[in-house]
Amino acid sequence: MLYQPAYLAFMEIFYLVVPNLEYRAGACNIGAVEKSKRKTLGLLAIAFTVLLAILLYIAKIEPVSRLLIFFPLSAGIISLYQVKENFCVAFGMSGVYNVSGTEKKVHRVKSPVDRKIDINKSLRMVVLGSVVSLVITVSFFLLPG
């Protein structure tokens, strides 16, 4: 295991650096390159959602139009959840993984049991991300104004 120092104003902190992630069914199917893509997409989707929400609220458009934030919001939340979990929903549903440092190198999940575990994890992630997005969307819809 490697430890890399991080410096704050008055102290040195060491944190664990995991150089090579390994595929683990239902736990890890993406590496650093894939995580970076999802982080970028997630942050852009959340930023777009915030801008859309502000515009919809300021414009005093029919409140039902506020429900439109659900789609970019859920995309952003699920993307960031994938980063946190080291697990790509699309890869899990497709039966592939890429934990290498290269973008184009995907491998097939060979075990039918592992495929089933990955599919279940993917579905749970989509449901959880959608529920969180729905709660936020409904809260925004119910705002007065």
Protein backbone atom coordinates (compact mmCIF):
# COMPACT_ATOMS: atom_id res chain seq x y z
CA MET A 1 0.00 0.00 0.00
CA LEU A 2 1.16 3.47 -0.80
CA TYR A 3 0.56 6.51 1.33
CA GLN A 4 0.72 9.98 -0.09
CA PRO A 5 1.11 13.08 2.06
CA ALA A 6 -1.34 15.96 1.99
CA TYR A 7 -0.40 19.19 3.68
CA LEU A 8 -2.67 21.54 5.57
CA ALA A 9 -1.56 24.81 7.11
CA PHE A 10 -0.06 23.26 10.21
CA MET A 11 -0.15 19.48 9.86
CA GLU A 12 0.71 16.66 7.50
CA ILE A 13 -1.96 14.07 6.73
CA PHE A 14 -1.35 10.77 4.99
CA TYR A 15 -4.07 9.10 2.99
CA LEU A 16 -4.19 5.74 1.29
CA VAL A 17 -3.57 5.69 -2.46
CA VAL A 18 -4.98 2.68 -4.24
CA PRO A 19 -2.94 2.48 -7.46
CA ASN A 20 -4.85 -0.29 -9.25
CA LEU A 21 -8.46 -1.06 -8.64
CA GLU A 22 -9.61 -4.58 -9.42
CA TYR A 23 -12.96 -5.72 -10.75
CA ARG A 24 -15.21 -6.97 -7.99
CA ALA A 25 -18.76 -7.98 -8.84
CA GLY A 26 -21.26 -5.50 -7.46
CA ALA A 27 -18.49 -3.39 -5.90
CA CYS A 28 -16.01 -2.07 -8.47
CA ASN A 29 -16.21 -2.04 -12.27
CA ILE A 30 -14.55 1.30 -13.17
CA GLY A 31 -11.13 2.79 -12.61
CA ALA A 32 -9.79 6.34 -12.44
CA VAL A 33 -10.33 7.26 -16.11
CA GLU A 34 -13.96 6.14 -16.11
CA LYS A 35 -14.59 7.78 -12.72
CA SER A 36 -13.23 11.07 -14.04
CA LYS A 37 -15.68 11.01 -16.96
CA ARG A 38 -18.62 10.39 -14.64
CA LYS A 39 -17.52 13.09 -12.21
CA THR A 40 -17.35 15.64 -15.03
CA LEU A 41 -20.76 14.62 -16.39
CA GLY A 42 -22.28 14.64 -12.90
CA LEU A 43 -21.02 18.09 -12.03
CA LEU A 44 -22.13 19.51 -15.39
CA ALA A 45 -25.59 17.98 -15.01
CA ILE A 46 -25.97 19.37 -11.48
CA ALA A 47 -24.81 22.82 -12.64
CA PHE A 48 -27.30 22.70 -15.52
CA THR A 49 -30.05 21.65 -13.11
CA VAL A 50 -29.33 24.57 -10.78
CA LEU A 51 -29.38 27.05 -13.67
CA LEU A 52 -32.59 25.55 -15.05
CA ALA A 53 -34.23 25.68 -11.62
CA ILE A 54 -33.25 29.33 -11.15
CA LEU A 55 -34.59 30.25 -14.59
CA LEU A 56 -37.85 28.38 -14.07
CA TYR A 57 -38.37 29.96 -10.66
CA ILE A 58 -37.49 33.53 -11.69
CA ALA A 59 -39.52 33.35 -14.91
CA LYS A 60 -42.67 32.49 -12.92
CA ILE A 61 -43.56 29.87 -15.51
CA GLU A 62 -46.31 27.39 -14.67
CA PRO A 63 -45.12 25.43 -11.58
CA VAL A 64 -45.61 22.09 -13.33
CA SER A 65 -42.67 23.02 -15.57
CA ARG A 66 -40.44 22.79 -12.50
CA LEU A 67 -40.75 19.02 -12.78
CA LEU A 68 -38.38 19.23 -15.77
CA ILE A 69 -35.40 19.41 -13.41
CA PHE A 70 -35.89 15.73 -12.58
CA PHE A 71 -34.10 14.49 -15.70
CA PRO A 72 -30.80 16.40 -15.54
CA LEU A 73 -30.84 16.15 -11.74
CA SER A 74 -31.15 12.36 -11.78
CA ALA A 75 -28.41 12.12 -14.42
CA GLY A 76 -26.12 14.20 -12.22
CA ILE A 77 -26.91 12.40 -9.00
CA ILE A 78 -26.52 8.95 -10.53
CA SER A 79 -23.24 9.97 -12.22
CA LEU A 80 -21.77 11.23 -8.94
CA TYR A 81 -23.05 8.13 -7.14
CA GLN A 82 -21.17 6.00 -9.69
CA VAL A 83 -17.97 7.89 -8.81
CA LYS A 84 -18.53 7.29 -5.10
CA GLU A 85 -19.24 3.59 -5.60
CA ASN A 86 -16.53 2.87 -8.26
CA PHE A 87 -19.36 1.30 -10.21
CA CYS A 88 -20.86 2.22 -13.59
CA VAL A 89 -24.55 1.47 -14.03
CA ALA A 90 -24.28 1.04 -17.82
CA PHE A 91 -21.25 -1.24 -17.50
CA GLY A 92 -23.05 -3.27 -14.85
CA MET A 93 -26.10 -3.72 -17.06
CA SER A 94 -23.94 -4.53 -20.10
CA GLY A 95 -21.73 -7.06 -18.38
CA VAL A 96 -18.44 -5.23 -18.89
CA TYR A 97 -15.84 -3.49 -16.74
CA ASN A 98 -12.86 -1.17 -17.17
CA VAL A 99 -10.64 -0.75 -14.16
CA SER A 100 -7.51 -0.16 -16.22
CA GLY A 101 -5.92 3.20 -16.81
CA THR A 102 -6.94 3.22 -20.46
CA GLU A 103 -10.25 4.43 -21.82
CA LYS A 104 -10.88 1.82 -24.50
CA LYS A 105 -10.02 -1.37 -22.67
CA VAL A 106 -13.25 -2.99 -21.52
CA HIS A 107 -13.48 -6.61 -20.46
CA ARG A 108 -16.45 -8.94 -20.39
CA VAL A 109 -17.72 -10.27 -17.08
CA LYS A 110 -17.52 -14.01 -17.58
CA SER A 111 -19.37 -15.39 -14.58
CA PRO A 112 -23.19 -15.46 -14.83
CA VAL A 113 -23.35 -15.03 -11.06
CA ASP A 114 -21.17 -11.90 -11.24
CA ARG A 115 -23.35 -10.56 -14.08
CA LYS A 116 -26.45 -10.98 -11.95
CA ILE A 117 -24.76 -9.24 -9.00
CA ASP A 118 -23.73 -6.34 -11.27
CA ILE A 119 -27.24 -5.99 -12.72
CA ASN A 120 -28.78 -5.93 -9.24
CA LYS A 121 -26.29 -3.29 -8.09
CA SER A 122 -27.01 -1.19 -11.20
CA LEU A 123 -30.75 -1.34 -10.63
CA ARG A 124 -30.38 -0.39 -6.95
CA MET A 125 -28.21 2.59 -7.89
CA VAL A 126 -30.71 3.83 -10.49
CA VAL A 127 -33.62 3.46 -8.06
CA LEU A 128 -31.78 5.24 -5.25
CA GLY A 129 -30.60 8.07 -7.51
CA SER A 130 -34.09 8.46 -8.95
CA VAL A 131 -35.74 8.55 -5.52
CA VAL A 132 -33.33 11.23 -4.29
CA SER A 133 -33.94 13.22 -7.49
CA LEU A 134 -37.70 12.81 -7.13
CA VAL A 135 -37.67 14.11 -3.54
CA ILE A 136 -35.64 17.17 -4.57
CA THR A 137 -37.83 17.75 -7.64
CA VAL A 138 -41.09 17.53 -5.69
CA SER A 139 -39.67 19.88 -3.03
CA PHE A 140 -38.82 22.38 -5.76
CA PHE A 141 -42.27 21.94 -7.32
CA LEU A 142 -43.95 22.70 -3.98
CA LEU A 143 -42.03 25.94 -3.40
CA PRO A 144 -44.39 28.92 -3.28
CA GLY A 145 -44.15 31.45 -6.06
